[in-house]
C-alpha atoms as a PDB file:
ATOM      1  CA  UNK A   1      -0.338   0.109  -0.007  1.00  0.00           C
ATOM      2  CA  UNK A   2       1.295   3.724  -0.880  1.00  0.00           C
ATOM      3  CA  UNK A   3       1.997   5.504   2.335  1.00  0.00           C
ATOM      4  CA  UNK A   4       0.334   8.695   1.002  1.00  0.00           C
ATOM      5  CA  UNK A   5      -2.511   7.097  -0.058  1.00  0.00           C
ATOM      6  CA  UNK A   6      -2.784   5.890   3.413  1.00  0.00           C
ATOM      7  CA  UNK A   7      -2.491   8.856   5.107  1.00  0.00           C
ATOM      8  CA  UNK A   8      -4.779  10.596   2.807  1.00  0.00           C
ATOM      9  CA  UNK A   9      -7.683   7.761   3.295  1.00  0.00           C
ATOM     10  CA  UNK A  10      -7.072   7.825   7.243  1.00  0.00           C
ATOM     11  CA  UNK A  11      -7.328  12.096   7.129  1.00  0.00           C
ATOM     12  CA  UNK A  12     -10.705  11.496   4.957  1.00  0.00           C
ATOM     13  CA  UNK A  13     -12.163   8.947   7.350  1.00  0.00           C
ATOM     14  CA  UNK A  14     -11.387  10.965  10.129  1.00  0.00           C
ATOM     15  CA  UNK A  15     -12.734  14.663   8.417  1.00  0.00           C
ATOM     16  CA  UNK A  16     -15.693  12.792   7.520  1.00  0.00           C
ATOM     17  CA  UNK A  17     -16.152  11.229  11.357  1.00  0.00           C
ATOM     18  CA  UNK A  18     -15.564  14.684  12.368  1.00  0.00           C
ATOM     19  CA  UNK A  19     -18.202  16.153  10.211  1.00  0.00           C
ATOM     20  CA  UNK A  20     -20.655  13.807  11.102  1.00  0.00           C
ATOM     21  CA  UNK A  21     -20.249  13.917  14.912  1.00  0.00           C
ATOM     22  CA  UNK A  22     -22.012  16.274  17.287  1.00  0.00           C
ATOM     23  CA  UNK A  23     -18.878  17.814  17.831  1.00  0.00           C
ATOM     24  CA  UNK A  24     -18.952  19.847  14.916  1.00  0.00           C
ATOM     25  CA  UNK A  25     -22.420  21.081  16.118  1.00  0.00           C
ATOM     26  CA  UNK A  26     -21.001  21.896  19.331  1.00  0.00           C
ATOM     27  CA  UNK A  27     -17.896  24.090  17.413  1.00  0.00           C
ATOM     28  CA  UNK A  28     -20.569  25.891  15.417  1.00  0.00           C
ATOM     29  CA  UNK A  29     -22.673  26.626  18.633  1.00  0.00           C
ATOM     30  CA  UNK A  30     -19.669  28.003  20.228  1.00  0.00           C
ATOM     31  CA  UNK A  31     -18.449  29.882  17.671  1.00  0.00           C
ATOM     32  CA  UNK A  32     -22.056  31.715  17.465  1.00  0.00           C
ATOM     33  CA  UNK A  33     -21.875  32.703  21.496  1.00  0.00           C
ATOM     34  CA  UNK A  34     -18.578  33.791  21.611  1.00  0.00           C
ATOM     35  CA  UNK A  35     -19.291  36.091  18.151  1.00  0.00           C
ATOM     36  CA  UNK A  36     -22.215  37.300  20.222  1.00  0.00           C
ATOM     37  CA  UNK A  37     -20.353  37.818  23.095  1.00  0.00           C
ATOM     38  CA  UNK A  38     -17.364  39.655  21.717  1.00  0.00           C
ATOM     39  CA  UNK A  39     -19.917  41.843  19.566  1.00  0.00           C
ATOM     40  CA  UNK A  40     -21.383  43.151  22.909  1.00  0.00           C
ATOM     41  CA  UNK A  41     -18.019  43.970  24.082  1.00  0.00           C
ATOM     42  CA  UNK A  42     -17.732  47.251  21.338  1.00  0.00           C
ATOM     43  CA  UNK A  43     -14.163  45.525  20.480  1.00  0.00           C
ATOM     44  CA  UNK A  44     -12.172  46.785  17.960  1.00  0.00           C
ATOM     45  CA  UNK A  45      -9.998  45.529  15.485  1.00  0.00           C
ATOM     46  CA  UNK A  46      -6.546  44.919  15.361  1.00  0.00           C
ATOM     47  CA  UNK A  47      -6.501  47.860  12.501  1.00  0.00           C
ATOM     48  CA  UNK A  48      -8.648  50.284  14.026  1.00  0.00           C
ATOM     49  CA  UNK A  49      -6.502  49.788  16.987  1.00  0.00           C
ATOM     50  CA  UNK A  50      -2.875  50.255  15.252  1.00  0.00           C
ATOM     51  CA  UNK A  51      -4.449  53.452  13.283  1.00  0.00           C
ATOM     52  CA  UNK A  52      -5.859  55.058  16.510  1.00  0.00           C
ATOM     53  CA  UNK A  53      -2.108  54.378  17.812  1.00  0.00           C
ATOM     54  CA  UNK A  54      -0.549  55.910  15.350  1.00  0.00           C
ATOM     55  CA  UNK A  55      -2.886  58.930  15.860  1.00  0.00           C
ATOM     56  CA  UNK A  56      -2.049  59.104  19.294  1.00  0.00           C
ATOM     57  CA  UNK A  57       1.525  59.034  18.636  1.00  0.00           C
ATOM     58  CA  UNK A  58       1.474  61.892  16.134  1.00  0.00           C
ATOM     59  CA  UNK A  59      -1.257  64.258  18.364  1.00  0.00           C
ATOM     60  CA  UNK A  60       1.439  63.397  21.331  1.00  0.00           C
ATOM     61  CA  UNK A  61       4.773  64.706  19.182  1.00  0.00           C
ATOM     62  CA  UNK A  62       2.738  67.786  18.433  1.00  0.00           C
ATOM     63  CA  UNK A  63       1.626  68.631  21.928  1.00  0.00           C
ATOM     64  CA  UNK A  64       5.451  68.092  23.115  1.00  0.00           C
ATOM     65  CA  UNK A  65       6.524  70.512  20.299  1.00  0.00           C
ATOM     66  CA  UNK A  66       3.830  73.156  21.550  1.00  0.00           C
ATOM     67  CA  UNK A  67       4.752  72.479  25.255  1.00  0.00           C
ATOM     68  CA  UNK A  68       8.428  73.245  24.117  1.00  0.00           C
ATOM     69  CA  UNK A  69       7.406  76.478  22.060  1.00  0.00           C
ATOM     70  CA  UNK A  70       5.354  77.458  25.180  1.00  0.00           C
ATOM     71  CA  UNK A  71       8.826  77.137  27.830  1.00  0.00           C
ATOM     72  CA  UNK A  72      10.412  78.646  25.105  1.00  0.00           C
ATOM     73  CA  UNK A  73       8.500  81.939  24.884  1.00  0.00           C
ATOM     74  CA  UNK A  74       7.454  81.972  28.611  1.00  0.00           C
ATOM     75  CA  UNK A  75      11.257  82.162  29.033  1.00  0.00           C
ATOM     76  CA  UNK A  76      11.612  84.779  26.675  1.00  0.00           C
ATOM     77  CA  UNK A  77       8.987  86.945  28.197  1.00  0.00           C
ATOM     78  CA  UNK A  78      11.100  86.572  31.600  1.00  0.00           C
ATOM     79  CA  UNK A  79      14.160  88.050  29.903  1.00  0.00           C
ATOM     80  CA  UNK A  80      14.558  91.808  30.914  1.00  0.00           C
END
């Protein structure tokens, strides 16, 4: 018997058994329940998170530049 065919046959039989088992229905139900639970948590995608992190970093840089400029102007005002 050819080994690749033997393993393919075993894999096909296992897949068929799993598809026809109650475990497949349980898996579908659990995925549906998790999906509903996650949607109620108001989560964001990784992409949305990364975009907001970039916006925050940019805003932080601008704020630091403005703080430095204010400090510089305050120093100039204090000079006689």
